[in-house]
Structures are given as structure tokens and as C-alpha cells.
Amino acid sequence: MRVLIAGGGTGGHLMPALALAEALRKIDPDVEPVLVGATRGVDATILPERPFRYHLMPVEPLYRRQWWKNLRWPLLALRIWRQCGQVLRTERPAFAVGTGGYAAGPILYRAHKMGIPLALQEQNAFPGLTTRLLTRFATQVHLGFPEAQQHLALGRHTRVFHHGNPIVPPPSTPPNRAEARAVLRIPVDVPVVLVMGGSQGALRVNEVVAECLERGLWNHVALLWSTGKISWSKYAPLNAPPSRQVKPFWDPIHQAYAAADLVIARAGAMSTAELCAWGLPSILIPLPTSAAGHQQRNAEALAQSGAAIHVPESTLTADVLREHVLGLLGAPEKRQAMALAARARGRPNAALEIAHELRSMVS
């Protein structure tokens, strides 16, 4: 049985698609996931390295600020529509799953028009355009944040599930703090802060973290810092292991998660899902240019639940970050409460739970 999974253009939409593909194959070896992504996105780099067949579409995002770039869409629309039909006729999937992003919309709509059942997985607290437009046609909608449901116009037969976001879960026996710190050569009694901005980094966050270090504001803190590939060469000279470990990104990240007392991060849906699954207190600094303010909504939702502190980038300075970091490190009871609130929202087995529901669409 073939299942088409569409979502990509960015890692935040592609990685949940891959997690669902792996989970579907795990629960039923007879399922063959087929991925659909975008030619111009990260998909073209990542999908060839994964064990699934895939198709890449010449889809482009809808630009909100650089609106003139959307003038190319009429030229692309007919080509994309025909290519979507060709893929669907060739693959003949039992159903199609969308994980959002501009790579998903056209082929999911074409699948609906061809009578193929749809399921959607929405990662963010405020749903993306693809989810908002297609929800009324979907058989199942799976939400990463329960706050998203209020923004959706459901179809008469649409069922909504709150399993969380599909991530690679923590190991069944994750490393404890002492073991992780031994690997990283960090003493058990030293507070550890993990900074991560995704594989591409977070430019303003990196600048402020560097200023904190240069001004000596965190002299008694061990820092695990993921700068992103773009910025790593600029900040590599600040690497001074073991108390200051600067990398382009942490992969695998399990040791860093296990060692950390506190995390500073953007508020992407998949990053926040991992933080909740690990039960980690965090300071979230949303990307202000994220589509439709998705990251801000994610950070607000976690802050309101007590799992995180939300710091808008417009207010971010070295002194502000120092105050939050040292305040939390000096208040273990508050960090513990935040950790419990995060873990209460964590759904480490979301991918498998969603996969079981998806499999039930075909008896």
C-alpha cells in the first residue's frame, strides 16, 4: 500500500514528513511511503539521503513582503498542476498526508480533486496557509499545538487529534546528566546552557550570546552553542572546550539535551516539540520573520503554559539575556516547574500515535 506524504521547502515541514514515513513503515512493513517536496527547498539535499522514493515539484512559496516574486506563479501553476496529476496517477496512493509548507498545497488539493483521502499534520500553534485551506477537505487533522484548532474551519467529517508533533523521540534509556557531562567533560556542579538556532543558526541570538561572552557575563556557566553553518566561522574563535563548546550544530543532540540545565532557542515547532519531549526549561526567542508569526504563537503558547520564557527579538540585548539566564540558573525550583510544564506538553511518541491513526484510514 502506497502512502503519499507531502511537505517541505523547509526543514520544519520536511522532518515531520520523514518522521511519519518512518513510523508508518515501522507499524506496517507493507506500507510504502512516497515523499513529495520542493525542488528549491532543503528537500533536494535531504531526500536523496533517505530510504524513500520521492518526487520534487517546482513549487515556490508565496512571498508576503517581496510580493513581486509571486508574479511567477501564473507561469508555474499549469505545469505544477499537470505534474501533480502525473505523480498521483503513477503512484495511486491509498491516501495522502500533508505536513505543511508550500511544497504540500498543490499536490494535496489535486489529490482531493481526484478523490484521494487527505490527512494533515500541523506543527504550529497558528496553522499555516496549507492547513487552513485544506482542513475542510481532510479526513484527519493532527495538531502539534492544541491552540491551533480554534483557527481551523473543519469539514463535516473531519476528525481532529492532539498527539503532538512527530519527532525522533528521546532514547528509551536516555543518558543521565552525569553520563552526558562526563562525555562532554563538564563537571556535574557547573550550570550548563544550550544555545541552538537550528541548522541555519539565528543571527541576532548569536550576536547577543557572543556579546555576553565577550563581556564576561557568563563566566561561571558552561556553554554548548550551536551557531548554524552560516555563522560558525565567525564564532569558531570563541570555542574553548570544555566550558565553551561552539559547533555549527549538534548532531546527535542527545548528549547536549541530557547535560543542559537551560536552553536558549528559536521557537520553531519541531525544536519546541523536542524541548518538551525532553522536559527542558527554555528561553524562546521567536524568529520575527517566520510565516504568519508562527514562532511567536508557539513561544506564547509555551510561555502561557509555564514551560518557557518568551523574549521577543526586538527586546533582546546582552543584559536582558544575562538577567533571564542567571535568574533561572539561580532558581532551581522555577526551572523544575518549567521542566514539568514542558514535559506535560511533550509527546515523544507522537509519530507512532499519528501513524496508527493514519493507518486506520484504510481498513
Protein backbone atom coordinates (compact mmCIF):
# COMPACT_ATOMS: atom_id res chain seq x y z
CA MET A 1 0.00 0.00 0.00
CA ARG A 2 1.44 3.35 -1.02
CA VAL A 3 1.02 6.50 1.05
CA LEU A 4 1.96 9.87 -0.35
CA ILE A 5 3.44 12.29 2.21
CA ALA A 6 3.83 15.89 1.06
CA GLY A 7 5.59 18.62 2.99
CA GLY A 8 8.75 20.53 2.58
CA GLY A 9 10.53 23.60 1.36
CA THR A 10 11.86 24.00 4.89
CA GLY A 11 13.19 21.51 7.41
CA GLY A 12 10.32 22.33 9.77
CA HIS A 13 7.89 20.73 7.31
CA LEU A 14 10.15 18.07 5.81
CA MET A 15 11.38 16.49 9.05
CA PRO A 16 7.87 15.65 10.35
CA ALA A 17 7.10 14.15 6.93
CA LEU A 18 10.15 11.91 7.25
CA ALA A 19 9.27 11.01 10.85
CA LEU A 20 5.78 9.93 9.75
CA ALA A 21 7.21 7.94 6.84
CA GLU A 22 9.49 6.04 9.21
CA ALA A 23 6.69 5.47 11.73
CA LEU A 24 4.25 4.19 9.08
CA ARG A 25 6.82 1.74 7.80
CA LYS A 26 7.60 0.63 11.35
CA ILE A 27 4.00 -0.21 12.24
CA ASP A 28 3.27 -1.82 8.87
CA PRO A 29 6.12 -3.04 6.63
CA ASP A 30 3.63 -3.32 3.75
CA VAL A 31 3.23 0.46 3.67
CA GLU A 32 5.41 2.20 1.10
CA PRO A 33 5.76 5.92 1.88
CA VAL A 34 6.42 8.18 -1.13
CA LEU A 35 7.62 11.70 -0.30
CA VAL A 36 6.84 14.87 -2.22
CA GLY A 37 8.92 18.00 -1.72
CA ALA A 38 10.08 21.17 -3.45
CA THR A 39 12.89 21.42 -5.98
CA ARG A 40 14.16 24.66 -4.47
CA GLY A 41 13.96 23.68 -0.79
CA VAL A 42 16.12 21.64 1.57
CA ASP A 43 14.27 18.62 0.19
CA ALA A 44 16.61 18.29 -2.79
CA THR A 45 19.54 17.83 -0.39
CA ILE A 46 17.94 15.68 2.32
CA LEU A 47 15.61 13.32 0.45
CA PRO A 48 18.32 11.61 -1.65
CA GLU A 49 19.94 10.54 1.63
CA ARG A 50 16.80 8.86 2.96
CA PRO A 51 15.47 5.37 2.11
CA PHE A 52 12.24 6.52 0.48
CA ARG A 53 11.19 7.19 -3.09
CA TYR A 54 10.37 10.83 -3.68
CA HIS A 55 9.24 13.45 -6.19
CA LEU A 56 10.33 17.09 -6.29
CA MET A 57 7.97 19.78 -7.54
CA PRO A 58 8.92 23.19 -8.99
CA VAL A 59 6.79 24.88 -6.32
CA GLU A 60 7.69 28.24 -4.83
CA PRO A 61 6.47 29.92 -1.64
CA LEU A 62 4.01 32.79 -1.55
CA TYR A 63 6.06 35.84 -0.64
CA ARG A 64 4.44 38.20 1.85
CA ARG A 65 6.98 41.03 1.70
CA GLN A 66 8.58 40.61 -1.72
CA TRP A 67 5.17 40.35 -3.37
CA TRP A 68 6.51 40.89 -6.91
CA LYS A 69 8.10 37.43 -6.80
CA ASN A 70 4.58 35.97 -6.79
CA LEU A 71 4.15 37.15 -10.39
CA ARG A 72 5.89 33.93 -11.47
CA TRP A 73 3.06 31.78 -10.10
CA PRO A 74 0.75 32.01 -13.14
CA LEU A 75 3.59 30.66 -15.28
CA LEU A 76 4.18 27.78 -12.88
CA ALA A 77 0.60 26.89 -12.00
CA LEU A 78 -0.34 24.83 -15.06
CA ARG A 79 2.99 22.98 -15.06
CA ILE A 80 2.65 22.14 -11.37
CA TRP A 81 -0.98 21.04 -11.77
CA ARG A 82 -0.06 18.64 -14.57
CA GLN A 83 2.95 17.27 -12.71
CA CYS A 84 0.84 16.68 -9.57
CA GLY A 85 -1.67 14.72 -11.64
CA GLN A 86 1.09 12.65 -13.21
CA VAL A 87 2.59 11.77 -9.82
CA LEU A 88 -0.78 10.81 -8.36
CA ARG A 89 -1.75 8.68 -11.36
CA THR A 90 1.63 6.92 -11.26
CA GLU A 91 1.71 6.28 -7.50
CA ARG A 92 -2.02 5.71 -6.90
CA PRO A 93 -1.73 6.27 -3.12
CA ALA A 94 -4.34 4.90 -0.73
CA PHE A 95 -4.31 8.30 0.97
CA ALA A 96 -2.21 11.46 1.09
CA VAL A 97 -0.72 13.16 4.14
CA GLY A 98 0.37 16.78 4.29
CA THR A 99 2.81 18.26 6.79
CA GLY A 100 2.50 21.83 5.54
CA GLY A 101 4.76 24.16 3.67
CA TYR A 102 4.49 25.41 0.13
CA ALA A 103 5.51 22.02 -1.29
CA ALA A 104 2.35 20.38 0.06
CA GLY A 105 -0.57 22.54 -1.05
CA PRO A 106 -0.86 21.88 -4.81
CA ILE A 107 -0.49 18.11 -4.75
CA LEU A 108 -2.81 17.70 -1.77
CA TYR A 109 -5.51 19.76 -3.45
CA ARG A 110 -5.08 17.76 -6.65
CA ALA A 111 -5.31 14.55 -4.60
CA HIS A 112 -8.58 15.78 -3.09
CA LYS A 113 -9.97 16.57 -6.54
CA MET A 114 -9.06 13.02 -7.61
CA GLY A 115 -10.96 11.52 -4.68
CA ILE A 116 -7.90 10.51 -2.62
CA PRO A 117 -8.49 10.82 1.17
CA LEU A 118 -6.44 13.51 2.93
CA ALA A 119 -4.84 13.79 6.35
CA LEU A 120 -2.98 16.86 7.62
CA GLN A 121 -0.35 17.31 10.31
CA GLU A 122 0.05 20.90 11.52
CA GLN A 123 3.10 21.70 13.64
CA ASN A 124 2.40 25.26 14.82
CA ALA A 125 0.10 26.98 17.31
CA PHE A 126 -1.19 29.12 14.44
CA PRO A 127 -1.86 26.91 11.41
CA GLY A 128 -0.09 27.52 8.13
CA LEU A 129 -1.88 28.51 4.95
CA THR A 130 -1.89 24.98 3.51
CA THR A 131 -3.60 23.58 6.62
CA ARG A 132 -6.12 26.40 6.84
CA LEU A 133 -7.15 25.99 3.21
CA LEU A 134 -7.37 22.21 3.15
CA THR A 135 -8.76 21.32 6.59
CA ARG A 136 -12.37 21.21 5.40
CA PHE A 137 -11.42 18.52 2.88
CA ALA A 138 -9.43 16.38 5.31
CA THR A 139 -10.47 13.13 6.96
CA GLN A 140 -7.97 13.58 9.79
CA VAL A 141 -6.11 16.61 11.19
CA HIS A 142 -3.25 16.07 13.64
CA LEU A 143 -2.17 19.06 15.71
CA GLY A 144 1.17 19.73 17.36
CA PHE A 145 -0.35 22.53 19.48
CA PRO A 146 -3.96 22.26 20.70
CA GLU A 147 -4.20 26.05 20.36
CA ALA A 148 -4.30 25.62 16.56
CA GLN A 149 -7.80 24.13 16.46
CA GLN A 150 -9.57 27.43 17.11
CA HIS A 151 -8.16 28.77 13.84
CA LEU A 152 -9.45 25.92 11.65
CA ALA A 153 -12.71 25.55 9.73
CA LEU A 154 -13.35 21.83 9.99
CA GLY A 155 -15.24 19.75 7.48
CA ARG A 156 -18.34 17.81 8.46
CA HIS A 157 -16.41 14.54 8.71
CA THR A 158 -13.01 15.88 9.82
CA ARG A 159 -11.59 14.29 12.95
CA VAL A 160 -9.02 16.24 14.99
CA PHE A 161 -6.27 14.60 17.05
CA HIS A 162 -3.86 16.14 19.57
CA HIS A 163 -0.90 13.78 19.51
CA GLY A 164 1.79 16.47 19.29
CA ASN A 165 4.49 16.87 16.67
CA PRO A 166 6.23 13.83 15.15
CA ILE A 167 9.86 13.92 16.25
CA VAL A 168 12.65 11.47 16.81
CA PRO A 169 11.89 10.62 20.46
CA PRO A 170 14.45 10.57 23.25
CA PRO A 171 16.17 7.18 23.60
CA SER A 172 14.26 4.64 25.66
CA THR A 173 17.11 4.89 28.15
CA PRO A 174 18.43 8.45 27.64
CA PRO A 175 21.83 9.36 29.09
CA ASN A 176 21.57 10.80 32.58
CA ARG A 177 23.08 14.17 33.40
CA ALA A 178 26.26 12.78 34.94
CA GLU A 179 26.93 10.48 31.97
CA ALA A 180 26.29 13.23 29.44
CA ARG A 181 28.52 15.68 31.23
CA ALA A 182 31.27 13.11 31.53
CA VAL A 183 31.20 12.68 27.74
CA LEU A 184 31.31 16.46 27.29
CA ARG A 185 33.98 16.82 30.04
CA ILE A 186 31.84 19.26 32.04
CA PRO A 187 31.78 18.98 35.87
CA VAL A 188 28.45 17.92 37.34
CA ASP A 189 28.20 21.02 39.54
CA VAL A 190 28.61 23.58 36.72
CA PRO A 191 25.41 25.03 35.22
CA VAL A 192 25.04 24.25 31.50
CA VAL A 193 23.25 26.39 28.93
CA LEU A 194 22.49 25.04 25.46
CA VAL A 195 22.02 27.63 22.70
CA MET A 196 20.56 26.47 19.40
CA GLY A 197 19.01 28.28 16.47
CA GLY A 198 18.51 25.45 14.02
CA SER A 199 20.82 24.26 11.26
CA GLN A 200 20.95 27.75 9.75
CA GLY A 201 21.52 29.47 13.09
CA ALA A 202 19.89 32.59 14.50
CA LEU A 203 21.87 35.69 13.62
CA ARG A 204 20.64 38.06 16.34
CA VAL A 205 20.75 35.38 19.03
CA ASN A 206 24.33 34.56 18.03
CA GLU A 207 25.34 38.22 18.24
CA VAL A 208 23.90 38.60 21.73
CA VAL A 209 25.42 35.35 23.01
CA ALA A 210 28.82 36.45 21.68
CA GLU A 211 28.45 39.81 23.45
CA CYS A 212 27.62 38.03 26.72
CA LEU A 213 30.80 36.01 26.41
CA GLU A 214 33.00 38.94 25.42
CA ARG A 215 31.72 41.00 28.38
CA GLY A 216 32.28 38.11 30.78
CA LEU A 217 28.61 37.94 31.77
CA TRP A 218 28.56 34.12 31.90
CA ASN A 219 31.97 33.32 33.38
CA HIS A 220 30.67 30.55 35.62
CA VAL A 221 28.42 28.91 33.04
CA ALA A 222 29.31 26.09 30.64
CA LEU A 223 28.00 26.88 27.17
CA LEU A 224 27.01 24.44 24.43
CA TRP A 225 26.43 26.68 21.41
CA SER A 226 25.07 25.72 18.01
CA THR A 227 25.75 28.71 15.75
CA GLY A 228 24.39 27.28 12.49
CA LYS A 229 26.54 26.58 9.45
CA ILE A 230 26.33 30.10 8.07
CA SER A 231 27.72 31.78 11.20
CA TRP A 232 30.09 29.15 12.52
CA SER A 233 33.31 30.51 11.01
CA LYS A 234 32.61 33.91 12.63
CA TYR A 235 32.19 32.48 16.12
CA ALA A 236 34.54 29.48 15.97
CA PRO A 237 37.36 31.50 17.66
CA LEU A 238 35.18 31.64 20.79
CA ASN A 239 35.35 27.85 21.09
CA ALA A 240 37.17 26.96 24.33
CA PRO A 241 36.32 23.41 25.42
CA PRO A 242 35.12 22.04 27.70
CA SER A 243 33.48 25.12 29.27
CA ARG A 244 32.60 26.71 25.92
CA GLN A 245 31.83 24.34 23.07
CA VAL A 246 30.92 26.05 19.79
CA LYS A 247 29.74 23.94 16.84
CA PRO A 248 27.86 24.54 13.59
CA PHE A 249 25.15 22.27 15.01
CA TRP A 250 24.84 19.42 17.48
CA ASP A 251 24.31 16.10 15.78
CA PRO A 252 23.42 13.91 17.55
CA ILE A 253 22.00 16.28 20.14
CA HIS A 254 21.07 13.76 22.84
CA GLN A 255 24.15 14.37 24.97
CA ALA A 256 23.64 18.14 24.87
CA TYR A 257 19.96 17.82 25.83
CA ALA A 258 20.79 15.48 28.68
CA ALA A 259 23.54 17.77 30.01
CA ALA A 260 21.63 21.07 29.79
CA ASP A 261 20.01 22.92 32.69
CA LEU A 262 18.51 25.51 30.36
CA VAL A 263 18.03 26.00 26.62
CA ILE A 264 18.02 29.21 24.58
CA ALA A 265 16.35 28.63 21.22
CA ARG A 266 14.17 29.86 18.43
CA ALA A 267 10.54 28.76 18.68
CA GLY A 268 10.20 26.51 15.66
CA ALA A 269 7.56 23.83 16.09
CA MET A 270 9.92 20.88 15.87
CA SER A 271 12.53 22.41 18.19
CA THR A 272 9.91 23.17 20.82
CA ALA A 273 8.47 19.66 20.43
CA GLU A 274 11.89 18.20 21.22
CA LEU A 275 12.36 20.51 24.22
CA CYS A 276 9.01 19.40 25.61
CA ALA A 277 9.73 15.72 24.96
CA TRP A 278 12.98 16.09 26.92
CA GLY A 279 11.33 18.20 29.64
CA LEU A 280 13.73 21.11 29.26
CA PRO A 281 13.06 24.67 30.51
CA SER A 282 13.77 27.21 27.81
CA ILE A 283 14.11 30.84 26.82
CA LEU A 284 12.42 31.16 23.44
CA ILE A 285 13.32 33.97 21.04
CA PRO A 286 11.00 33.63 18.03
CA LEU A 287 12.18 34.43 14.54
CA PRO A 288 10.30 37.69 13.85
CA THR A 289 10.07 36.98 10.12
CA SER A 290 8.55 33.48 10.45
CA ALA A 291 5.49 32.99 8.24
CA ALA A 292 2.33 34.47 9.79
CA GLY A 293 4.18 34.88 13.09
CA HIS A 294 4.14 31.11 13.71
CA GLN A 295 7.13 31.13 16.03
CA GLN A 296 5.70 33.93 18.14
CA ARG A 297 2.47 31.95 18.61
CA ASN A 298 4.47 28.86 19.59
CA ALA A 299 6.52 30.81 22.14
CA GLU A 300 3.42 32.47 23.58
CA ALA A 301 1.68 29.12 23.97
CA LEU A 302 4.60 27.56 25.83
CA ALA A 303 5.12 30.67 27.98
CA GLN A 304 1.44 30.71 28.96
CA SER A 305 1.66 27.06 30.00
CA GLY A 306 4.71 27.82 32.16
CA ALA A 307 7.16 25.76 30.09
CA ALA A 308 9.23 28.65 28.71
CA ILE A 309 10.09 32.33 28.89
CA HIS A 310 9.23 34.28 25.75
CA VAL A 311 11.69 37.02 24.79
CA PRO A 312 10.80 38.92 21.59
CA GLU A 313 13.85 39.57 19.44
CA SER A 314 13.01 43.30 19.45
CA THR A 315 13.77 43.39 23.21
CA LEU A 316 16.80 41.09 23.11
CA THR A 317 20.05 42.52 24.46
CA ALA A 318 23.01 41.00 26.26
CA ASP A 319 21.81 42.42 29.56
CA VAL A 320 18.27 41.10 29.06
CA LEU A 321 19.55 37.64 28.19
CA ARG A 322 22.00 37.66 31.10
CA GLU A 323 19.20 38.57 33.52
CA HIS A 324 16.96 35.74 32.33
CA VAL A 325 19.74 33.14 32.23
CA LEU A 326 21.25 33.91 35.62
CA GLY A 327 17.81 34.35 37.14
CA LEU A 328 16.73 30.88 36.06
CA LEU A 329 20.03 29.22 36.91
CA GLY A 330 19.73 30.70 40.40
CA ALA A 331 16.18 29.41 40.82
CA PRO A 332 16.23 25.60 40.55
CA GLU A 333 12.64 25.34 41.81
CA LYS A 334 11.41 27.54 38.95
CA ARG A 335 13.39 25.53 36.41
CA GLN A 336 11.88 22.35 37.81
CA ALA A 337 8.36 23.77 37.45
CA MET A 338 9.12 24.80 33.87
CA ALA A 339 10.54 21.35 33.15
CA LEU A 340 7.38 19.70 34.48
CA ALA A 341 5.20 22.03 32.39
CA ALA A 342 7.26 21.25 29.30
CA ARG A 343 7.11 17.52 29.91
CA ALA A 344 3.33 17.74 30.35
CA ARG A 345 3.14 19.03 26.78
CA GLY A 346 5.74 16.60 25.48
CA ARG A 347 4.61 13.90 23.06
CA PRO A 348 7.70 11.78 22.44
CA ASN A 349 5.69 9.01 20.77
CA ALA A 350 3.66 11.34 18.55
CA ALA A 351 4.96 9.91 15.27
CA LEU A 352 3.83 6.37 16.11
CA GLU A 353 0.50 7.52 17.51
CA ILE A 354 -0.23 9.56 14.39
CA ALA A 355 0.89 6.67 12.18
CA HIS A 356 -1.60 4.31 13.84
CA GLU A 357 -4.43 6.78 13.23
CA LEU A 358 -3.34 7.29 9.61
CA ARG A 359 -3.20 3.54 9.02
CA SER A 360 -6.81 3.29 10.21
CA MET A 361 -7.92 5.41 7.25
CA VAL A 362 -7.62 2.28 5.12
CA SER A 363 -9.20 -0.86 6.55
